[in-house]
Amino acid sequence: GAASRRELSELSDEAIHATFGHDIVLTIDQRIQMLTETALARSVNRFQAKGGVAVVMDVRTGDILALANCPDFDLNTFRDQGFEADQLRNRALTDPIEVGSVMKIITAALLIDHGLLSVDELIDCKGGVMRIAGRTIRDTHHSTIIPFRTAFAESSNVAMAWLADTRLETRTFYDGLVRFGLGRPTGINLPGEGGGILYPPNRWTAMSKASLAIGYETALTPLQVVTAVGAIANNGWRMKPRLVREIRNFRGETIQKFPPETLGRVVSAETCQTMLQLMEGVVLEGTASREGTVPGYRVGGKTGTTVKHVEDEDGNRLYVASF
């Protein structure tokens, strides 16, 4: 009736601004995100895993090109579908995990950077069994004396635990882990990020250096792992992960930019080149040789497997696998 014939007054600029809000421009690459989600879901289904996380980062800028969680949920059908509460968490930021042998990248880099280890040095892997502080450390390979580069490719726990325990000073080791970002949030502009776990040296035991060297007594979020290892691929500079590139108003004008930000140097560029060769050896002849190669590309990495502290309903051991 009367309301339909009422003349509307002109909106103020403030009201228009408030109505439209701002646009955020993400670093996510839509195609890489889609491929990452597909690959992650395929792997989770293949291994009947409880869940999985995949993060793709441009190491030069810290840009997050893809960030995938599985199981996931669809915002379009959020109200209709049944979902678990943990599906709402962004596991890449919130869930600290023991990364196991992935930690050997950081341990080896610190040893090499301080001149405490050369890659061709012969290391006694003691047949794959060693005792430290009353605890036994074992290898899947039963190697005796082999070059360090081979011990790294075969992911020898004995070699890495022995080297860290006998050659790395406690403070040197701890300070190095802090430079790699352990125990602190990365500072990505997303809510709810965790800082993982890294105990101060005054809480370390006689076993701690050996345990930390192979990825125990600490926990990292997947995002922390990516930024730490990404520093090795970026000539030693650790970048702050970036998800938002800029903010624009409704006219398309940029009102705030978030430039790439370095978080400091972890090790020398020379050490990084050595580490990249060691990591390539993992894929060419080591623990990732069956599935890690990509035709036309040089690939490096590190496998990691840790035992979870819970079992399934049938009493079977559960594991966290990382690459």
C-alpha atoms as a PDB file:
ATOM      1  CA  GLY A   1       0.000   0.000   0.000  1.00  0.00           C
ATOM      2  CA  ALA A   2       1.360   3.337   1.142  1.00  0.00           C
ATOM      3  CA  ALA A   3       4.845   1.967   1.734  1.00  0.00           C
ATOM      4  CA  SER A   4       5.268   0.984  -1.928  1.00  0.00           C
ATOM      5  CA  ARG A   5       4.727   4.638  -3.029  1.00  0.00           C
ATOM      6  CA  ARG A   6       7.144   6.122  -0.463  1.00  0.00           C
ATOM      7  CA  GLU A   7      10.116   7.867  -2.024  1.00  0.00           C
ATOM      8  CA  LEU A   8      13.533   6.476  -0.957  1.00  0.00           C
ATOM      9  CA  SER A   9      16.159   8.933   0.195  1.00  0.00           C
ATOM     10  CA  GLU A  10      19.662   8.694  -1.266  1.00  0.00           C
ATOM     11  CA  LEU A  11      22.111   6.516   0.649  1.00  0.00           C
ATOM     12  CA  SER A  12      25.149   8.134   2.191  1.00  0.00           C
ATOM     13  CA  ASP A  13      28.676   7.020   1.216  1.00  0.00           C
ATOM     14  CA  GLU A  14      29.118   5.548   4.710  1.00  0.00           C
ATOM     15  CA  ALA A  15      26.026   3.390   4.321  1.00  0.00           C
ATOM     16  CA  ILE A  16      27.189   2.139   0.916  1.00  0.00           C
ATOM     17  CA  HIS A  17      30.627   1.281   2.297  1.00  0.00           C
ATOM     18  CA  ALA A  18      29.070  -0.571   5.245  1.00  0.00           C
ATOM     19  CA  THR A  19      26.717  -2.504   2.960  1.00  0.00           C
ATOM     20  CA  PHE A  20      29.302  -3.724   0.482  1.00  0.00           C
ATOM     21  CA  GLY A  21      32.156  -4.342   2.920  1.00  0.00           C
ATOM     22  CA  HIS A  22      35.632  -5.223   1.674  1.00  0.00           C
ATOM     23  CA  ASP A  23      37.002  -7.995  -0.528  1.00  0.00           C
ATOM     24  CA  ILE A  24      40.014 -10.012   0.586  1.00  0.00           C
ATOM     25  CA  VAL A  25      42.388 -11.302  -2.075  1.00  0.00           C
ATOM     26  CA  LEU A  26      43.793 -14.688  -1.079  1.00  0.00           C
ATOM     27  CA  THR A  27      47.070 -16.320  -2.078  1.00  0.00           C
ATOM     28  CA  ILE A  28      45.215 -19.600  -2.745  1.00  0.00           C
ATOM     29  CA  ASP A  29      45.589 -20.845  -6.329  1.00  0.00           C
ATOM     30  CA  GLN A  30      42.185 -22.295  -7.225  1.00  0.00           C
ATOM     31  CA  ARG A  31      43.596 -24.982  -9.532  1.00  0.00           C
ATOM     32  CA  ILE A  32      46.316 -26.107  -7.109  1.00  0.00           C
ATOM     33  CA  GLN A  33      43.744 -26.124  -4.285  1.00  0.00           C
ATOM     34  CA  MET A  34      41.415 -28.385  -6.282  1.00  0.00           C
ATOM     35  CA  LEU A  35      44.221 -30.779  -7.248  1.00  0.00           C
ATOM     36  CA  THR A  36      45.493 -30.869  -3.655  1.00  0.00           C
ATOM     37  CA  GLU A  37      42.045 -31.668  -2.253  1.00  0.00           C
ATOM     38  CA  THR A  38      41.611 -34.456  -4.827  1.00  0.00           C
ATOM     39  CA  ALA A  39      45.035 -35.995  -4.147  1.00  0.00           C
ATOM     40  CA  LEU A  40      44.548 -35.806  -0.365  1.00  0.00           C
ATOM     41  CA  ALA A  41      41.078 -37.414  -0.469  1.00  0.00           C
ATOM     42  CA  ARG A  42      42.437 -40.180  -2.714  1.00  0.00           C
ATOM     43  CA  SER A  43      45.275 -40.963  -0.291  1.00  0.00           C
ATOM     44  CA  VAL A  44      43.053 -40.830   2.804  1.00  0.00           C
ATOM     45  CA  ASN A  45      40.643 -43.289   1.164  1.00  0.00           C
ATOM     46  CA  ARG A  46      43.428 -45.542  -0.107  1.00  0.00           C
ATOM     47  CA  PHE A  47      45.003 -45.971   3.330  1.00  0.00           C
ATOM     48  CA  GLN A  48      41.681 -45.815   5.238  1.00  0.00           C
ATOM     49  CA  ALA A  49      43.112 -42.954   7.296  1.00  0.00           C
ATOM     50  CA  LYS A  50      41.147 -41.123   9.965  1.00  0.00           C
ATOM     51  CA  GLY A  51      42.078 -37.812   8.354  1.00  0.00           C
ATOM     52  CA  GLY A  52      44.730 -35.872   6.501  1.00  0.00           C
ATOM     53  CA  VAL A  53      46.202 -32.451   5.843  1.00  0.00           C
ATOM     54  CA  ALA A  54      48.046 -31.077   2.812  1.00  0.00           C
ATOM     55  CA  VAL A  55      49.688 -27.657   2.535  1.00  0.00           C
ATOM     56  CA  VAL A  56      51.294 -26.160  -0.592  1.00  0.00           C
ATOM     57  CA  MET A  57      53.487 -23.096  -0.086  1.00  0.00           C
ATOM     58  CA  ASP A  58      55.595 -20.914  -2.368  1.00  0.00           C
ATOM     59  CA  VAL A  59      58.809 -20.920  -0.321  1.00  0.00           C
ATOM     60  CA  ARG A  60      60.068 -17.626  -1.802  1.00  0.00           C
ATOM     61  CA  THR A  61      57.115 -15.546  -0.566  1.00  0.00           C
ATOM     62  CA  GLY A  62      55.427 -17.718   2.061  1.00  0.00           C
ATOM     63  CA  ASP A  63      52.236 -17.694  -0.048  1.00  0.00           C
ATOM     64  CA  ILE A  64      49.865 -20.544   0.798  1.00  0.00           C
ATOM     65  CA  LEU A  65      48.806 -21.858  -2.622  1.00  0.00           C
ATOM     66  CA  ALA A  66      46.632 -24.668  -1.223  1.00  0.00           C
ATOM     67  CA  LEU A  67      45.451 -25.723   2.214  1.00  0.00           C
ATOM     68  CA  ALA A  68      43.356 -28.885   2.353  1.00  0.00           C
ATOM     69  CA  ASN A  69      41.790 -30.861   5.194  1.00  0.00           C
ATOM     70  CA  CYS A  70      40.132 -34.251   4.999  1.00  0.00           C
ATOM     71  CA  PRO A  71      37.472 -35.019   6.154  1.00  0.00           C
ATOM     72  CA  ASP A  72      36.036 -31.703   5.010  1.00  0.00           C
ATOM     73  CA  PHE A  73      32.538 -30.218   4.851  1.00  0.00           C
ATOM     74  CA  ASP A  74      30.612 -28.348   2.177  1.00  0.00           C
ATOM     75  CA  LEU A  75      29.417 -24.907   3.280  1.00  0.00           C
ATOM     76  CA  ASN A  76      26.638 -25.103   0.668  1.00  0.00           C
ATOM     77  CA  THR A  77      25.059 -28.122   2.373  1.00  0.00           C
ATOM     78  CA  PHE A  78      26.388 -27.440   5.884  1.00  0.00           C
ATOM     79  CA  ARG A  79      22.949 -27.388   7.527  1.00  0.00           C
ATOM     80  CA  ASP A  80      21.790 -30.625   5.896  1.00  0.00           C
ATOM     81  CA  GLN A  81      24.757 -32.956   6.211  1.00  0.00           C
ATOM     82  CA  GLY A  82      25.878 -34.761   9.319  1.00  0.00           C
ATOM     83  CA  PHE A  83      29.347 -33.715  10.422  1.00  0.00           C
ATOM     84  CA  GLU A  84      31.766 -34.279  13.283  1.00  0.00           C
ATOM     85  CA  ALA A  85      32.989 -31.346  15.347  1.00  0.00           C
ATOM     86  CA  ASP A  86      36.599 -32.022  14.342  1.00  0.00           C
ATOM     87  CA  GLN A  87      35.667 -31.462  10.691  1.00  0.00           C
ATOM     88  CA  LEU A  88      35.267 -27.768  11.536  1.00  0.00           C
ATOM     89  CA  ARG A  89      38.884 -27.444  12.685  1.00  0.00           C
ATOM     90  CA  ASN A  90      41.562 -26.289  10.284  1.00  0.00           C
ATOM     91  CA  ARG A  91      43.949 -29.103  11.214  1.00  0.00           C
ATOM     92  CA  ALA A  92      46.857 -27.511   9.350  1.00  0.00           C
ATOM     93  CA  LEU A  93      46.862 -24.705  11.937  1.00  0.00           C
ATOM     94  CA  THR A  94      45.394 -26.288  15.050  1.00  0.00           C
ATOM     95  CA  ASP A  95      46.613 -29.898  15.357  1.00  0.00           C
ATOM     96  CA  PRO A  96      50.194 -30.393  16.562  1.00  0.00           C
ATOM     97  CA  ILE A  97      51.602 -33.808  15.605  1.00  0.00           C
ATOM     98  CA  GLU A  98      54.823 -35.698  16.204  1.00  0.00           C
ATOM     99  CA  VAL A  99      56.454 -35.525  12.775  1.00  0.00           C
ATOM    100  CA  GLY A 100      59.016 -38.277  13.395  1.00  0.00           C
ATOM    101  CA  SER A 101      61.768 -38.513  10.810  1.00  0.00           C
ATOM    102  CA  VAL A 102      60.742 -35.274   9.064  1.00  0.00           C
ATOM    103  CA  MET A 103      62.569 -33.669  12.017  1.00  0.00           C
ATOM    104  CA  LYS A 104      65.822 -35.186  10.711  1.00  0.00           C
ATOM    105  CA  ILE A 105      65.869 -32.429   8.063  1.00  0.00           C
ATOM    106  CA  ILE A 106      66.228 -29.816  10.813  1.00  0.00           C
ATOM    107  CA  THR A 107      68.637 -31.907  12.918  1.00  0.00           C
ATOM    108  CA  ALA A 108      70.936 -32.635   9.959  1.00  0.00           C
ATOM    109  CA  ALA A 109      70.853 -28.992   8.842  1.00  0.00           C
ATOM    110  CA  LEU A 110      71.949 -27.786  12.294  1.00  0.00           C
ATOM    111  CA  LEU A 111      74.757 -30.380  12.515  1.00  0.00           C
ATOM    112  CA  ILE A 112      76.067 -29.491   9.046  1.00  0.00           C
ATOM    113  CA  ASP A 113      75.687 -25.733   9.566  1.00  0.00           C
ATOM    114  CA  HIS A 114      77.787 -25.836  12.754  1.00  0.00           C
ATOM    115  CA  GLY A 115      80.518 -27.835  11.025  1.00  0.00           C
ATOM    116  CA  LEU A 116      79.790 -30.919  13.139  1.00  0.00           C
ATOM    117  CA  LEU A 117      79.015 -33.297  10.252  1.00  0.00           C
ATOM    118  CA  SER A 118      79.925 -33.896   6.615  1.00  0.00           C
ATOM    119  CA  VAL A 119      77.599 -35.806   4.293  1.00  0.00           C
ATOM    120  CA  ASP A 120      80.253 -38.317   3.182  1.00  0.00           C
ATOM    121  CA  GLU A 121      81.436 -39.053   6.714  1.00  0.00           C
ATOM    122  CA  LEU A 122      81.156 -42.725   7.670  1.00  0.00           C
ATOM    123  CA  ILE A 123      78.652 -43.240  10.494  1.00  0.00           C
ATOM    124  CA  ASP A 124      78.360 -46.397  12.610  1.00  0.00           C
ATOM    125  CA  CYS A 125      74.646 -47.311  12.657  1.00  0.00           C
ATOM    126  CA  LYS A 126      75.458 -50.151  15.091  1.00  0.00           C
ATOM    127  CA  GLY A 127      73.447 -52.745  13.217  1.00  0.00           C
ATOM    128  CA  GLY A 128      70.274 -50.717  13.735  1.00  0.00           C
ATOM    129  CA  VAL A 129      70.086 -50.874  17.558  1.00  0.00           C
ATOM    130  CA  MET A 130      71.420 -48.449  20.182  1.00  0.00           C
ATOM    131  CA  ARG A 131      70.712 -47.668  23.831  1.00  0.00           C
ATOM    132  CA  ILE A 132      70.706 -44.103  25.186  1.00  0.00           C
ATOM    133  CA  ALA A 133      69.836 -43.225  28.787  1.00  0.00           C
ATOM    134  CA  GLY A 134      68.317 -46.667  29.331  1.00  0.00           C
ATOM    135  CA  ARG A 135      66.102 -46.500  26.213  1.00  0.00           C
ATOM    136  CA  THR A 136      66.507 -48.491  22.994  1.00  0.00           C
ATOM    137  CA  ILE A 137      66.470 -46.802  19.577  1.00  0.00           C
ATOM    138  CA  ARG A 138      65.939 -49.016  16.516  1.00  0.00           C
ATOM    139  CA  ASP A 139      66.185 -48.779  12.737  1.00  0.00           C
ATOM    140  CA  THR A 140      64.173 -50.581  10.057  1.00  0.00           C
ATOM    141  CA  HIS A 141      67.460 -51.114   8.173  1.00  0.00           C
ATOM    142  CA  HIS A 142      70.181 -53.017  10.000  1.00  0.00           C
ATOM    143  CA  SER A 143      73.131 -51.062   8.609  1.00  0.00           C
ATOM    144  CA  THR A 144      76.596 -51.017  10.152  1.00  0.00           C
ATOM    145  CA  ILE A 145      79.038 -48.373   8.835  1.00  0.00           C
ATOM    146  CA  ILE A 146      77.649 -46.245   5.983  1.00  0.00           C
ATOM    147  CA  PRO A 147      78.090 -42.659   4.663  1.00  0.00           C
ATOM    148  CA  PHE A 148      75.809 -40.136   6.332  1.00  0.00           C
ATOM    149  CA  ARG A 149      74.029 -39.383   3.030  1.00  0.00           C
ATOM    150  CA  THR A 150      72.983 -43.070   2.906  1.00  0.00           C
ATOM    151  CA  ALA A 151      71.964 -43.041   6.573  1.00  0.00           C
ATOM    152  CA  PHE A 152      69.767 -40.009   5.824  1.00  0.00           C
ATOM    153  CA  ALA A 153      68.208 -41.621   2.742  1.00  0.00           C
ATOM    154  CA  GLU A 154      67.462 -44.781   4.768  1.00  0.00           C
ATOM    155  CA  SER A 155      66.183 -42.609   7.653  1.00  0.00           C
ATOM    156  CA  SER A 156      68.455 -44.118  10.307  1.00  0.00           C
ATOM    157  CA  ASN A 157      67.202 -43.264  13.793  1.00  0.00           C
ATOM    158  CA  VAL A 158      70.415 -44.595  15.325  1.00  0.00           C
ATOM    159  CA  ALA A 159      72.674 -42.366  13.221  1.00  0.00           C
ATOM    160  CA  MET A 160      70.687 -39.189  13.834  1.00  0.00           C
ATOM    161  CA  ALA A 161      70.085 -39.803  17.550  1.00  0.00           C
ATOM    162  CA  TRP A 162      73.768 -40.622  18.152  1.00  0.00           C
ATOM    163  CA  LEU A 163      75.004 -37.581  16.213  1.00  0.00           C
ATOM    164  CA  ALA A 164      72.699 -35.142  18.016  1.00  0.00           C
ATOM    165  CA  ASP A 165      73.396 -36.678  21.426  1.00  0.00           C
ATOM    166  CA  THR A 166      77.190 -36.623  21.083  1.00  0.00           C
ATOM    167  CA  ARG A 167      77.847 -33.541  18.931  1.00  0.00           C
ATOM    168  CA  LEU A 168      75.128 -30.924  19.481  1.00  0.00           C
ATOM    169  CA  GLU A 169      75.298 -28.789  22.618  1.00  0.00           C
ATOM    170  CA  THR A 170      71.899 -28.498  24.306  1.00  0.00           C
ATOM    171  CA  ARG A 171      71.694 -24.716  23.894  1.00  0.00           C
ATOM    172  CA  THR A 172      72.873 -24.854  20.277  1.00  0.00           C
ATOM    173  CA  PHE A 173      70.222 -27.448  19.473  1.00  0.00           C
ATOM    174  CA  TYR A 174      67.438 -25.560  21.246  1.00  0.00           C
ATOM    175  CA  ASP A 175      68.319 -22.179  19.716  1.00  0.00           C
ATOM    176  CA  GLY A 176      68.394 -23.809  16.270  1.00  0.00           C
ATOM    177  CA  LEU A 177      64.957 -25.340  16.759  1.00  0.00           C
ATOM    178  CA  VAL A 178      63.597 -21.935  17.792  1.00  0.00           C
ATOM    179  CA  ARG A 179      65.061 -20.336  14.630  1.00  0.00           C
ATOM    180  CA  PHE A 180      63.192 -22.964  12.596  1.00  0.00           C
ATOM    181  CA  GLY A 181      59.980 -21.826  14.345  1.00  0.00           C
ATOM    182  CA  LEU A 182      59.307 -24.713  16.726  1.00  0.00           C
ATOM    183  CA  GLY A 183      57.130 -23.935  19.728  1.00  0.00           C
ATOM    184  CA  ARG A 184      55.754 -20.669  18.333  1.00  0.00           C
ATOM    185  CA  PRO A 185      52.835 -19.805  16.020  1.00  0.00           C
ATOM    186  CA  THR A 186      53.928 -18.812  12.510  1.00  0.00           C
ATOM    187  CA  GLY A 187      51.753 -15.672  12.658  1.00  0.00           C
ATOM    188  CA  ILE A 188      49.583 -16.478   9.630  1.00  0.00           C
ATOM    189  CA  ASN A 189      46.560 -14.165   9.388  1.00  0.00           C
ATOM    190  CA  LEU A 190      43.990 -16.821  10.299  1.00  0.00           C
ATOM    191  CA  PRO A 191      42.372 -17.344  13.731  1.00  0.00           C
ATOM    192  CA  GLY A 192      43.021 -20.293  16.022  1.00  0.00           C
ATOM    193  CA  GLU A 193      46.640 -21.074  15.132  1.00  0.00           C
ATOM    194  CA  GLY A 194      48.540 -23.252  17.608  1.00  0.00           C
ATOM    195  CA  GLY A 195      52.221 -22.984  18.512  1.00  0.00           C
ATOM    196  CA  GLY A 196      52.999 -26.685  18.781  1.00  0.00           C
ATOM    197  CA  ILE A 197      55.208 -28.015  21.582  1.00  0.00           C
ATOM    198  CA  LEU A 198      58.888 -27.376  22.320  1.00  0.00           C
ATOM    199  CA  TYR A 199      60.035 -27.670  25.925  1.00  0.00           C
ATOM    200  CA  PRO A 200      62.795 -25.339  27.228  1.00  0.00           C
ATOM    201  CA  PRO A 201      66.217 -26.919  27.916  1.00  0.00           C
ATOM    202  CA  ASN A 202      65.636 -26.929  31.690  1.00  0.00           C
ATOM    203  CA  ARG A 203      62.937 -29.554  31.078  1.00  0.00           C
ATOM    204  CA  TRP A 204      65.120 -31.765  28.870  1.00  0.00           C
ATOM    205  CA  THR A 205      66.226 -35.169  30.131  1.00  0.00           C
ATOM    206  CA  ALA A 206      69.283 -37.293  29.265  1.00  0.00           C
ATOM    207  CA  MET A 207      67.193 -38.714  26.415  1.00  0.00           C
ATOM    208  CA  SER A 208      65.892 -35.423  25.000  1.00  0.00           C
ATOM    209  CA  LYS A 209      68.553 -34.601  22.403  1.00  0.00           C
ATOM    210  CA  ALA A 210      68.310 -38.082  20.889  1.00  0.00           C
ATOM    211  CA  SER A 211      64.486 -38.009  20.978  1.00  0.00           C
ATOM    212  CA  LEU A 212      64.175 -34.528  19.465  1.00  0.00           C
ATOM    213  CA  ALA A 213      66.640 -35.456  16.714  1.00  0.00           C
ATOM    214  CA  ILE A 214      64.220 -38.066  15.369  1.00  0.00           C
ATOM    215  CA  GLY A 215      60.985 -36.147  15.989  1.00  0.00           C
ATOM    216  CA  TYR A 216      59.823 -37.122  19.459  1.00  0.00           C
ATOM    217  CA  GLU A 217      59.380 -34.917  22.582  1.00  0.00           C
ATOM    218  CA  THR A 218      58.069 -32.175  20.286  1.00  0.00           C
ATOM    219  CA  ALA A 219      54.977 -31.530  18.184  1.00  0.00           C
ATOM    220  CA  LEU A 220      54.481 -29.241  15.193  1.00  0.00           C
ATOM    221  CA  THR A 221      51.410 -28.140  13.294  1.00  0.00           C
ATOM    222  CA  PRO A 222      51.535 -28.985   9.575  1.00  0.00           C
ATOM    223  CA  LEU A 223      51.901 -25.246   8.857  1.00  0.00           C
ATOM    224  CA  GLN A 224      54.968 -25.065  11.137  1.00  0.00           C
ATOM    225  CA  VAL A 225      56.520 -28.025   9.312  1.00  0.00           C
ATOM    226  CA  VAL A 226      55.975 -26.410   5.912  1.00  0.00           C
ATOM    227  CA  THR A 227      57.472 -23.065   6.940  1.00  0.00           C
ATOM    228  CA  ALA A 228      60.448 -24.761   8.638  1.00  0.00           C
ATOM    229  CA  VAL A 229      61.279 -27.078   5.738  1.00  0.00           C
ATOM    230  CA  GLY A 230      60.401 -24.343   3.253  1.00  0.00           C
ATOM    231  CA  ALA A 231      63.276 -22.302   4.679  1.00  0.00           C
ATOM    232  CA  ILE A 232      65.698 -24.997   3.494  1.00  0.00           C
ATOM    233  CA  ALA A 233      64.333 -24.591  -0.051  1.00  0.00           C
ATOM    234  CA  ASN A 234      64.544 -20.789   0.242  1.00  0.00           C
ATOM    235  CA  ASN A 235      68.309 -20.584   0.850  1.00  0.00           C
ATOM    236  CA  GLY A 236      67.832 -20.464   4.616  1.00  0.00           C
ATOM    237  CA  TRP A 237      65.247 -17.691   4.917  1.00  0.00           C
ATOM    238  CA  ARG A 238      62.089 -18.684   6.783  1.00  0.00           C
ATOM    239  CA  MET A 239      59.059 -16.808   5.473  1.00  0.00           C
ATOM    240  CA  LYS A 240      55.911 -15.918   7.377  1.00  0.00           C
ATOM    241  CA  PRO A 241      53.081 -17.880   5.737  1.00  0.00           C
ATOM    242  CA  ARG A 242      50.701 -15.543   3.901  1.00  0.00           C
ATOM    243  CA  LEU A 243      47.084 -16.345   3.080  1.00  0.00           C
ATOM    244  CA  VAL A 244      45.729 -12.827   2.489  1.00  0.00           C
ATOM    245  CA  ARG A 245      47.564 -10.825  -0.188  1.00  0.00           C
ATOM    246  CA  GLU A 246      45.505  -7.613   0.047  1.00  0.00           C
ATOM    247  CA  ILE A 247      42.169  -6.060   1.003  1.00  0.00           C
ATOM    248  CA  ARG A 248      40.101  -4.067  -1.544  1.00  0.00           C
ATOM    249  CA  ASN A 249      37.065  -1.840  -1.125  1.00  0.00           C
ATOM    250  CA  PHE A 250      33.882  -2.198  -3.178  1.00  0.00           C
ATOM    251  CA  ARG A 251      35.343  -0.011  -5.917  1.00  0.00           C
ATOM    252  CA  GLY A 252      38.246  -2.434  -6.359  1.00  0.00           C
ATOM    253  CA  GLU A 253      40.803  -0.077  -4.814  1.00  0.00           C
ATOM    254  CA  THR A 254      43.511  -1.656  -2.660  1.00  0.00           C
ATOM    255  CA  ILE A 255      43.231  -0.315   0.888  1.00  0.00           C
ATOM    256  CA  GLN A 256      45.709  -2.634   2.610  1.00  0.00           C
ATOM    257  CA  LYS A 257      48.548  -4.852   1.342  1.00  0.00           C
ATOM    258  CA  PHE A 258      50.301  -7.694   3.125  1.00  0.00           C
ATOM    259  CA  PRO A 259      53.777  -7.961   1.588  1.00  0.00           C
ATOM    260  CA  PRO A 260      55.988 -11.071   2.004  1.00  0.00           C
ATOM    261  CA  GLU A 261      57.685 -11.060   5.393  1.00  0.00           C
ATOM    262  CA  THR A 262      60.831 -12.907   6.448  1.00  0.00           C
ATOM    263  CA  LEU A 263      61.058 -14.432   9.924  1.00  0.00           C
ATOM    264  CA  GLY A 264      64.854 -14.729   9.872  1.00  0.00           C
ATOM    265  CA  ARG A 265      67.637 -16.994   8.645  1.00  0.00           C
ATOM    266  CA  VAL A 266      67.727 -20.589   9.918  1.00  0.00           C
ATOM    267  CA  VAL A 267      71.025 -21.845   8.392  1.00  0.00           C
ATOM    268  CA  SER A 268      73.439 -20.773   5.636  1.00  0.00           C
ATOM    269  CA  ALA A 269      72.628 -20.977   1.926  1.00  0.00           C
ATOM    270  CA  GLU A 270      75.479 -23.488   1.516  1.00  0.00           C
ATOM    271  CA  THR A 271      73.958 -25.778   4.160  1.00  0.00           C
ATOM    272  CA  CYS A 272      70.593 -25.532   2.373  1.00  0.00           C
ATOM    273  CA  GLN A 273      72.100 -26.693  -0.936  1.00  0.00           C
ATOM    274  CA  THR A 274      73.630 -29.679   0.852  1.00  0.00           C
ATOM    275  CA  MET A 275      70.302 -30.487   2.513  1.00  0.00           C
ATOM    276  CA  LEU A 276      68.407 -30.312  -0.807  1.00  0.00           C
ATOM    277  CA  GLN A 277      70.801 -32.920  -2.220  1.00  0.00           C
ATOM    278  CA  LEU A 278      70.261 -35.134   0.830  1.00  0.00           C
ATOM    279  CA  MET A 279      66.482 -34.754   0.499  1.00  0.00           C
ATOM    280  CA  GLU A 280      66.665 -35.624  -3.208  1.00  0.00           C
ATOM    281  CA  GLY A 281      68.497 -38.814  -2.211  1.00  0.00           C
ATOM    282  CA  VAL A 282      65.483 -39.817  -0.106  1.00  0.00           C
ATOM    283  CA  VAL A 283      63.333 -39.776  -3.256  1.00  0.00           C
ATOM    284  CA  LEU A 284      65.902 -41.286  -5.650  1.00  0.00           C
ATOM    285  CA  GLU A 285      67.108 -44.223  -3.556  1.00  0.00           C
ATOM    286  CA  GLY A 286      65.720 -43.857  -0.038  1.00  0.00           C
ATOM    287  CA  THR A 287      62.464 -44.294   1.875  1.00  0.00           C
ATOM    288  CA  ALA A 288      60.354 -42.379  -0.711  1.00  0.00           C
ATOM    289  CA  SER A 289      61.805 -43.988  -3.841  1.00  0.00           C
ATOM    290  CA  ARG A 290      58.652 -45.961  -4.690  1.00  0.00           C
ATOM    291  CA  GLU A 291      56.248 -43.044  -5.002  1.00  0.00           C
ATOM    292  CA  GLY A 292      58.129 -39.765  -4.650  1.00  0.00           C
ATOM    293  CA  THR A 293      59.405 -39.209  -8.179  1.00  0.00           C
ATOM    294  CA  VAL A 294      57.658 -36.829 -10.595  1.00  0.00           C
ATOM    295  CA  PRO A 295      58.770 -37.111 -14.253  1.00  0.00           C
ATOM    296  CA  GLY A 296      60.398 -33.900 -15.482  1.00  0.00           C
ATOM    297  CA  TYR A 297      61.053 -32.491 -11.995  1.00  0.00           C
ATOM    298  CA  ARG A 298      63.715 -32.809  -9.323  1.00  0.00           C
ATOM    299  CA  VAL A 299      61.979 -33.789  -6.099  1.00  0.00           C
ATOM    300  CA  GLY A 300      63.284 -33.884  -2.547  1.00  0.00           C
ATOM    301  CA  GLY A 301      61.599 -34.672   0.726  1.00  0.00           C
ATOM    302  CA  LYS A 302      61.535 -36.703   3.904  1.00  0.00           C
ATOM    303  CA  THR A 303      59.206 -39.411   5.108  1.00  0.00           C
ATOM    304  CA  GLY A 304      58.094 -39.577   8.729  1.00  0.00           C
ATOM    305  CA  THR A 305      56.117 -42.132  10.743  1.00  0.00           C
ATOM    306  CA  THR A 306      55.265 -41.957  14.434  1.00  0.00           C
ATOM    307  CA  VAL A 307      53.212 -44.272  16.654  1.00  0.00           C
ATOM    308  CA  LYS A 308      50.078 -42.716  18.128  1.00  0.00           C
ATOM    309  CA  HIS A 309      49.407 -43.133  21.841  1.00  0.00           C
ATOM    310  CA  VAL A 310      46.019 -44.750  21.176  1.00  0.00           C
ATOM    311  CA  GLU A 311      44.984 -47.988  19.453  1.00  0.00           C
ATOM    312  CA  ASP A 312      41.967 -48.767  17.290  1.00  0.00           C
ATOM    313  CA  GLU A 313      39.004 -50.812  18.546  1.00  0.00           C
ATOM    314  CA  ASP A 314      40.746 -54.038  17.538  1.00  0.00           C
ATOM    315  CA  GLY A 315      43.899 -53.193  19.476  1.00  0.00           C
ATOM    316  CA  ASN A 316      45.986 -52.356  16.393  1.00  0.00           C
ATOM    317  CA  ARG A 317      48.664 -49.698  16.531  1.00  0.00           C
ATOM    318  CA  LEU A 318      47.837 -46.386  14.847  1.00  0.00           C
ATOM    319  CA  TYR A 319      50.370 -44.189  13.081  1.00  0.00           C
ATOM    320  CA  VAL A 320      50.848 -40.611  11.865  1.00  0.00           C
ATOM    321  CA  ALA A 321      52.539 -40.522   8.460  1.00  0.00           C
ATOM    322  CA  SER A 322      54.148 -37.355   7.082  1.00  0.00           C
ATOM    323  CA  PHE A 323      56.047 -36.272   3.991  1.00  0.00           C
END
